[in-house]
Amino acid sequence: MHEAEQYLRNPANPPSLYVIIGGKRRKLFINRDVETIGILAPRKKRYGYVFNAWNSIEKICNPKRKKEISAEDRQRKLILKYQKLAAKASFSNIYTRCVLNADLTKSLHENGITTGTRIDGKVISLEAIRKWCGESYYQQFKDALKEKKPFNSCRFNFCGYDGSLWIAVYTSNDGINEINAGFSKEYRNCGNGYYYLLINDDNFIGYDID
């Protein structure tokens, strides 16, 4: 893997990087929703195209070094990120309550929010999934979420993986029907992959890797 690609795919780094191509300074960026790397078109600030010509890079412009933060501070920031997203949910369930009541002195794993993997803090929006699953599954998922009904999609192509959406309904200790929902991004024809839980009406967030 090229050094520039390795830098961009590291979630601890900023999502963009300047490089020299053909003697000119160009900006690479990564869309972490779909894990695609692109390059800004010449003289454009917002438009670009998929980039894979790594051998054309002549030089990497050294990115500004961020101030080093401790592992404890990093975990605290991740928990706050989860809490900010969970606070936007129109629903309440065991998972969102676990997030909102998390102990900031403990890690995501220690709080039971994730199993502690490299996708901790990684967000995939429902809109990003919509482009791959199609309008039918998207609308069925939204309707089931609103009506608190079980739902399981068939597998669909998601960036070269098998994607699937699901909603499970359970009864809380107070006798209230609640939902738990998620998105699975698994290797083709395999039961292993990356698993995300619905943290609000519009976003899934990293939970586990199997």
C-alpha atoms as a PDB file:
ATOM      1  CA  MET A   1       0.000   0.000   0.000  1.00  0.00           C
ATOM      2  CA  HIS A   2       1.332   3.429  -0.946  1.00  0.00           C
ATOM      3  CA  GLU A   3       2.341   5.677   1.945  1.00  0.00           C
ATOM      4  CA  ALA A   4      -0.288   8.267   0.923  1.00  0.00           C
ATOM      5  CA  GLU A   5      -3.053   5.661   0.840  1.00  0.00           C
ATOM      6  CA  GLN A   6      -1.950   4.273   4.190  1.00  0.00           C
ATOM      7  CA  TYR A   7      -2.117   7.776   5.679  1.00  0.00           C
ATOM      8  CA  LEU A   8      -5.634   8.439   4.350  1.00  0.00           C
ATOM      9  CA  ARG A   9      -7.025   5.081   5.436  1.00  0.00           C
ATOM     10  CA  ASN A  10      -5.882   5.626   9.004  1.00  0.00           C
ATOM     11  CA  PRO A  11      -8.978   6.995  10.840  1.00  0.00           C
ATOM     12  CA  ALA A  12      -6.683   8.785  13.279  1.00  0.00           C
ATOM     13  CA  ASN A  13      -5.503  11.084  10.454  1.00  0.00           C
ATOM     14  CA  PRO A  14      -7.360  13.911   8.672  1.00  0.00           C
ATOM     15  CA  PRO A  15      -9.410  12.806   5.617  1.00  0.00           C
ATOM     16  CA  SER A  16      -7.264  14.731   3.118  1.00  0.00           C
ATOM     17  CA  LEU A  17      -3.632  14.957   2.039  1.00  0.00           C
ATOM     18  CA  TYR A  18      -1.677  17.125  -0.417  1.00  0.00           C
ATOM     19  CA  VAL A  19       0.687  15.458  -2.878  1.00  0.00           C
ATOM     20  CA  ILE A  20       2.751  16.500  -5.889  1.00  0.00           C
ATOM     21  CA  ILE A  21       1.648  15.012  -9.231  1.00  0.00           C
ATOM     22  CA  GLY A  22       3.085  16.203 -12.537  1.00  0.00           C
ATOM     23  CA  GLY A  23       4.909  18.963 -10.694  1.00  0.00           C
ATOM     24  CA  LYS A  24       1.646  20.353  -9.297  1.00  0.00           C
ATOM     25  CA  ARG A  25       0.193  20.302  -5.802  1.00  0.00           C
ATOM     26  CA  ARG A  26      -2.974  18.173  -5.743  1.00  0.00           C
ATOM     27  CA  LYS A  27      -5.375  17.257  -2.955  1.00  0.00           C
ATOM     28  CA  LEU A  28      -6.334  13.665  -2.215  1.00  0.00           C
ATOM     29  CA  PHE A  29      -9.300  12.902   0.039  1.00  0.00           C
ATOM     30  CA  ILE A  30     -11.116   9.875   1.417  1.00  0.00           C
ATOM     31  CA  ASN A  31     -14.835   9.303   1.836  1.00  0.00           C
ATOM     32  CA  ARG A  32     -14.823   7.088   4.907  1.00  0.00           C
ATOM     33  CA  ASP A  33     -18.496   6.200   4.504  1.00  0.00           C
ATOM     34  CA  VAL A  34     -17.616   4.098   1.467  1.00  0.00           C
ATOM     35  CA  GLU A  35     -13.815   3.910   1.943  1.00  0.00           C
ATOM     36  CA  THR A  36     -13.128   5.468  -1.462  1.00  0.00           C
ATOM     37  CA  ILE A  37     -10.152   7.743  -2.141  1.00  0.00           C
ATOM     38  CA  GLY A  38     -10.497  10.571  -4.636  1.00  0.00           C
ATOM     39  CA  ILE A  39      -8.569  13.536  -6.025  1.00  0.00           C
ATOM     40  CA  LEU A  40      -9.895  17.051  -6.492  1.00  0.00           C
ATOM     41  CA  ALA A  41     -10.249  18.059 -10.104  1.00  0.00           C
ATOM     42  CA  PRO A  42      -7.882  20.858 -11.256  1.00  0.00           C
ATOM     43  CA  ARG A  43      -9.108  24.328 -10.290  1.00  0.00           C
ATOM     44  CA  LYS A  44     -12.060  22.836  -8.397  1.00  0.00           C
ATOM     45  CA  LYS A  45     -12.722  23.074  -4.668  1.00  0.00           C
ATOM     46  CA  ARG A  46     -15.549  20.580  -4.330  1.00  0.00           C
ATOM     47  CA  TYR A  47     -15.466  18.222  -7.308  1.00  0.00           C
ATOM     48  CA  GLY A  48     -13.180  15.296  -7.946  1.00  0.00           C
ATOM     49  CA  TYR A  49     -12.954  11.713  -9.106  1.00  0.00           C
ATOM     50  CA  VAL A  50     -11.765   8.335  -7.847  1.00  0.00           C
ATOM     51  CA  PHE A  51      -7.986   8.121  -7.556  1.00  0.00           C
ATOM     52  CA  ASN A  52      -5.842   4.985  -7.856  1.00  0.00           C
ATOM     53  CA  ALA A  53      -2.774   6.191  -9.788  1.00  0.00           C
ATOM     54  CA  TRP A  54      -0.476   5.888  -6.782  1.00  0.00           C
ATOM     55  CA  ASN A  55       2.657   5.568  -8.916  1.00  0.00           C
ATOM     56  CA  SER A  56       2.045   9.077 -10.300  1.00  0.00           C
ATOM     57  CA  ILE A  57       2.706  10.651  -6.895  1.00  0.00           C
ATOM     58  CA  GLU A  58       6.080  12.378  -6.945  1.00  0.00           C
ATOM     59  CA  LYS A  59       6.073  13.671  -3.417  1.00  0.00           C
ATOM     60  CA  ILE A  60       3.874  13.780  -0.308  1.00  0.00           C
ATOM     61  CA  CYS A  61       3.523  17.200   1.232  1.00  0.00           C
ATOM     62  CA  ASN A  62       4.194  16.657   4.901  1.00  0.00           C
ATOM     63  CA  PRO A  63       0.911  17.101   6.779  1.00  0.00           C
ATOM     64  CA  LYS A  64       0.850  19.280   9.842  1.00  0.00           C
ATOM     65  CA  ARG A  65       1.483  17.189  12.879  1.00  0.00           C
ATOM     66  CA  LYS A  66      -1.348  17.098  15.348  1.00  0.00           C
ATOM     67  CA  LYS A  67      -0.608  17.488  19.003  1.00  0.00           C
ATOM     68  CA  GLU A  68      -0.232  14.058  20.512  1.00  0.00           C
ATOM     69  CA  ILE A  69      -3.109  13.113  22.787  1.00  0.00           C
ATOM     70  CA  SER A  70      -3.186  10.366  25.374  1.00  0.00           C
ATOM     71  CA  ALA A  71      -5.107   7.137  24.931  1.00  0.00           C
ATOM     72  CA  GLU A  72      -7.445   8.274  27.702  1.00  0.00           C
ATOM     73  CA  ASP A  73      -8.224  11.550  25.962  1.00  0.00           C
ATOM     74  CA  ARG A  74      -8.730   9.737  22.665  1.00  0.00           C
ATOM     75  CA  GLN A  75     -11.254   7.385  24.259  1.00  0.00           C
ATOM     76  CA  ARG A  76     -13.007  10.292  25.942  1.00  0.00           C
ATOM     77  CA  LYS A  77     -13.380  12.071  22.605  1.00  0.00           C
ATOM     78  CA  LEU A  78     -14.756   8.913  21.015  1.00  0.00           C
ATOM     79  CA  ILE A  79     -17.335   8.485  23.781  1.00  0.00           C
ATOM     80  CA  LEU A  80     -18.387  12.119  23.388  1.00  0.00           C
ATOM     81  CA  LYS A  81     -18.775  11.506  19.649  1.00  0.00           C
ATOM     82  CA  TYR A  82     -21.053   8.535  20.313  1.00  0.00           C
ATOM     83  CA  GLN A  83     -23.044  10.558  22.844  1.00  0.00           C
ATOM     84  CA  LYS A  84     -23.494  13.486  20.461  1.00  0.00           C
ATOM     85  CA  LEU A  85     -24.893  11.155  17.816  1.00  0.00           C
ATOM     86  CA  ALA A  86     -27.091   9.186  20.235  1.00  0.00           C
ATOM     87  CA  ALA A  87     -28.639  12.413  21.543  1.00  0.00           C
ATOM     88  CA  LYS A  88     -30.108  13.018  18.065  1.00  0.00           C
ATOM     89  CA  ALA A  89     -32.098   9.752  18.041  1.00  0.00           C
ATOM     90  CA  SER A  90     -35.878   9.934  18.038  1.00  0.00           C
ATOM     91  CA  PHE A  91     -35.909   6.531  19.757  1.00  0.00           C
ATOM     92  CA  SER A  92     -34.461   5.142  22.975  1.00  0.00           C
ATOM     93  CA  ASN A  93     -33.117   1.646  23.466  1.00  0.00           C
ATOM     94  CA  ILE A  94     -30.637  -0.294  25.565  1.00  0.00           C
ATOM     95  CA  TYR A  95     -27.743   0.735  23.349  1.00  0.00           C
ATOM     96  CA  THR A  96     -28.434   4.489  23.190  1.00  0.00           C
ATOM     97  CA  ARG A  97     -28.992   4.585  26.947  1.00  0.00           C
ATOM     98  CA  CYS A  98     -25.688   2.768  27.452  1.00  0.00           C
ATOM     99  CA  VAL A  99     -23.984   5.392  25.274  1.00  0.00           C
ATOM    100  CA  LEU A 100     -25.619   8.391  26.945  1.00  0.00           C
ATOM    101  CA  ASN A 101     -24.830   7.090  30.433  1.00  0.00           C
ATOM    102  CA  ALA A 102     -21.229   6.115  29.634  1.00  0.00           C
ATOM    103  CA  ASP A 103     -18.435   6.729  32.117  1.00  0.00           C
ATOM    104  CA  LEU A 104     -15.964   9.138  30.463  1.00  0.00           C
ATOM    105  CA  THR A 105     -13.113   7.714  32.519  1.00  0.00           C
ATOM    106  CA  LYS A 106     -13.540   4.316  30.863  1.00  0.00           C
ATOM    107  CA  SER A 107     -13.051   3.145  27.281  1.00  0.00           C
ATOM    108  CA  LEU A 108     -15.789   2.357  24.767  1.00  0.00           C
ATOM    109  CA  HIS A 109     -15.141  -1.332  25.356  1.00  0.00           C
ATOM    110  CA  GLU A 110     -15.231  -0.998  29.136  1.00  0.00           C
ATOM    111  CA  ASN A 111     -18.544   0.838  28.857  1.00  0.00           C
ATOM    112  CA  GLY A 112     -19.979  -1.962  26.716  1.00  0.00           C
ATOM    113  CA  ILE A 113     -20.466   0.412  23.755  1.00  0.00           C
ATOM    114  CA  THR A 114     -18.173  -1.512  21.382  1.00  0.00           C
ATOM    115  CA  THR A 115     -16.054  -4.636  21.441  1.00  0.00           C
ATOM    116  CA  GLY A 116     -12.945  -2.480  20.941  1.00  0.00           C
ATOM    117  CA  THR A 117     -11.910  -2.665  17.281  1.00  0.00           C
ATOM    118  CA  ARG A 118     -10.459  -0.426  14.565  1.00  0.00           C
ATOM    119  CA  ILE A 119     -13.956   0.657  13.469  1.00  0.00           C
ATOM    120  CA  ASP A 120     -14.636   2.328  16.827  1.00  0.00           C
ATOM    121  CA  GLY A 121     -16.042   5.760  15.983  1.00  0.00           C
ATOM    122  CA  LYS A 122     -16.523   4.985  12.289  1.00  0.00           C
ATOM    123  CA  VAL A 123     -19.880   6.253  11.016  1.00  0.00           C
ATOM    124  CA  ILE A 124     -21.822   5.029   7.972  1.00  0.00           C
ATOM    125  CA  SER A 125     -24.890   7.091   7.146  1.00  0.00           C
ATOM    126  CA  LEU A 126     -28.180   5.598   6.033  1.00  0.00           C
ATOM    127  CA  GLU A 127     -27.999   7.892   2.997  1.00  0.00           C
ATOM    128  CA  ALA A 128     -24.675   6.337   1.973  1.00  0.00           C
ATOM    129  CA  ILE A 129     -26.211   2.858   2.294  1.00  0.00           C
ATOM    130  CA  ARG A 130     -29.279   3.996   0.333  1.00  0.00           C
ATOM    131  CA  LYS A 131     -27.136   4.450  -2.790  1.00  0.00           C
ATOM    132  CA  TRP A 132     -26.267   0.753  -2.680  1.00  0.00           C
ATOM    133  CA  CYS A 133     -29.303  -0.989  -1.188  1.00  0.00           C
ATOM    134  CA  GLY A 134     -31.834   0.781  -3.395  1.00  0.00           C
ATOM    135  CA  GLU A 135     -34.976   2.764  -2.655  1.00  0.00           C
ATOM    136  CA  SER A 136     -37.110  -0.250  -1.738  1.00  0.00           C
ATOM    137  CA  TYR A 137     -34.924  -1.527   1.128  1.00  0.00           C
ATOM    138  CA  TYR A 138     -34.261   2.035   2.273  1.00  0.00           C
ATOM    139  CA  GLN A 139     -37.970   2.845   2.551  1.00  0.00           C
ATOM    140  CA  GLN A 140     -38.821  -0.507   4.153  1.00  0.00           C
ATOM    141  CA  PHE A 141     -36.146   0.103   6.770  1.00  0.00           C
ATOM    142  CA  LYS A 142     -37.394   3.647   7.477  1.00  0.00           C
ATOM    143  CA  ASP A 143     -41.008   2.453   7.768  1.00  0.00           C
ATOM    144  CA  ALA A 144     -40.087  -0.442  10.072  1.00  0.00           C
ATOM    145  CA  LEU A 145     -38.043   1.908  12.244  1.00  0.00           C
ATOM    146  CA  LYS A 146     -40.945   4.331  12.538  1.00  0.00           C
ATOM    147  CA  GLU A 147     -43.481   1.597  13.261  1.00  0.00           C
ATOM    148  CA  LYS A 148     -41.116  -0.423  15.499  1.00  0.00           C
ATOM    149  CA  LYS A 149     -41.438  -3.571  13.396  1.00  0.00           C
ATOM    150  CA  PRO A 150     -38.861  -6.287  12.696  1.00  0.00           C
ATOM    151  CA  PHE A 151     -37.042  -6.044   9.376  1.00  0.00           C
ATOM    152  CA  ASN A 152     -34.324  -7.988   7.581  1.00  0.00           C
ATOM    153  CA  SER A 153     -33.111  -7.118   4.109  1.00  0.00           C
ATOM    154  CA  CYS A 154     -31.515  -9.578   1.742  1.00  0.00           C
ATOM    155  CA  ARG A 155     -27.828  -9.066   1.049  1.00  0.00           C
ATOM    156  CA  PHE A 156     -26.930  -6.322  -1.408  1.00  0.00           C
ATOM    157  CA  ASN A 157     -23.676  -5.102  -2.896  1.00  0.00           C
ATOM    158  CA  PHE A 158     -22.016  -2.447  -0.752  1.00  0.00           C
ATOM    159  CA  CYS A 159     -18.626  -1.286  -2.005  1.00  0.00           C
ATOM    160  CA  GLY A 160     -17.625  -4.846  -2.891  1.00  0.00           C
ATOM    161  CA  TYR A 161     -18.979  -6.301   0.363  1.00  0.00           C
ATOM    162  CA  ASP A 162     -22.303  -7.977   1.166  1.00  0.00           C
ATOM    163  CA  GLY A 163     -24.400  -5.395   2.969  1.00  0.00           C
ATOM    164  CA  SER A 164     -27.588  -6.015   4.935  1.00  0.00           C
ATOM    165  CA  LEU A 165     -29.933  -3.991   7.149  1.00  0.00           C
ATOM    166  CA  TRP A 166     -31.871  -5.353  10.116  1.00  0.00           C
ATOM    167  CA  ILE A 167     -34.220  -4.284  12.895  1.00  0.00           C
ATOM    168  CA  ALA A 168     -35.107  -6.394  15.947  1.00  0.00           C
ATOM    169  CA  VAL A 169     -37.949  -5.595  18.348  1.00  0.00           C
ATOM    170  CA  TYR A 170     -37.882  -6.438  22.049  1.00  0.00           C
ATOM    171  CA  THR A 171     -39.844  -5.521  25.170  1.00  0.00           C
ATOM    172  CA  SER A 172     -38.065  -3.415  27.779  1.00  0.00           C
ATOM    173  CA  ASN A 173     -38.342  -3.962  31.537  1.00  0.00           C
ATOM    174  CA  ASP A 174     -41.030  -1.267  31.517  1.00  0.00           C
ATOM    175  CA  GLY A 175     -43.117  -3.268  29.060  1.00  0.00           C
ATOM    176  CA  ILE A 176     -42.380  -0.898  26.166  1.00  0.00           C
ATOM    177  CA  ASN A 177     -41.564  -2.165  22.684  1.00  0.00           C
ATOM    178  CA  GLU A 178     -38.117  -0.952  21.675  1.00  0.00           C
ATOM    179  CA  ILE A 179     -35.957  -1.534  18.623  1.00  0.00           C
ATOM    180  CA  ASN A 180     -32.361  -2.467  18.038  1.00  0.00           C
ATOM    181  CA  ALA A 181     -31.056  -2.018  14.509  1.00  0.00           C
ATOM    182  CA  GLY A 182     -27.867  -2.344  12.570  1.00  0.00           C
ATOM    183  CA  PHE A 183     -25.948  -2.630   9.333  1.00  0.00           C
ATOM    184  CA  SER A 184     -23.693  -5.560   8.457  1.00  0.00           C
ATOM    185  CA  LYS A 185     -20.853  -5.230   5.943  1.00  0.00           C
ATOM    186  CA  GLU A 186     -19.602  -8.753   5.356  1.00  0.00           C
ATOM    187  CA  TYR A 187     -17.114 -10.349   2.998  1.00  0.00           C
ATOM    188  CA  ARG A 188     -18.754 -11.844  -0.084  1.00  0.00           C
ATOM    189  CA  ASN A 189     -20.551 -15.119   0.608  1.00  0.00           C
ATOM    190  CA  CYS A 190     -19.133 -15.163   4.120  1.00  0.00           C
ATOM    191  CA  GLY A 191     -20.484 -14.699   7.633  1.00  0.00           C
ATOM    192  CA  ASN A 192     -17.637 -12.466   8.768  1.00  0.00           C
ATOM    193  CA  GLY A 193     -17.137  -8.741   8.448  1.00  0.00           C
ATOM    194  CA  TYR A 194     -17.854  -5.378  10.017  1.00  0.00           C
ATOM    195  CA  TYR A 195     -20.887  -4.617  12.161  1.00  0.00           C
ATOM    196  CA  TYR A 196     -22.479  -1.268  12.926  1.00  0.00           C
ATOM    197  CA  LEU A 197     -25.371  -0.355  15.222  1.00  0.00           C
ATOM    198  CA  LEU A 198     -27.987   2.308  14.547  1.00  0.00           C
ATOM    199  CA  ILE A 199     -27.173   5.179  16.893  1.00  0.00           C
ATOM    200  CA  ASN A 200     -29.794   7.615  15.610  1.00  0.00           C
ATOM    201  CA  ASP A 201     -32.337   7.795  12.804  1.00  0.00           C
ATOM    202  CA  ASP A 202     -29.713   8.586  10.169  1.00  0.00           C
ATOM    203  CA  ASN A 203     -26.435   6.956  11.196  1.00  0.00           C
ATOM    204  CA  PHE A 204     -24.819   3.634  12.067  1.00  0.00           C
ATOM    205  CA  ILE A 205     -21.619   3.510  14.105  1.00  0.00           C
ATOM    206  CA  GLY A 206     -18.868   0.940  14.485  1.00  0.00           C
ATOM    207  CA  TYR A 207     -19.503  -1.810  17.045  1.00  0.00           C
ATOM    208  CA  ASP A 208     -17.717  -5.063  16.188  1.00  0.00           C
ATOM    209  CA  ILE A 209     -15.514  -6.946  13.724  1.00  0.00           C
ATOM    210  CA  ASP A 210     -15.861 -10.687  13.316  1.00  0.00           C
END
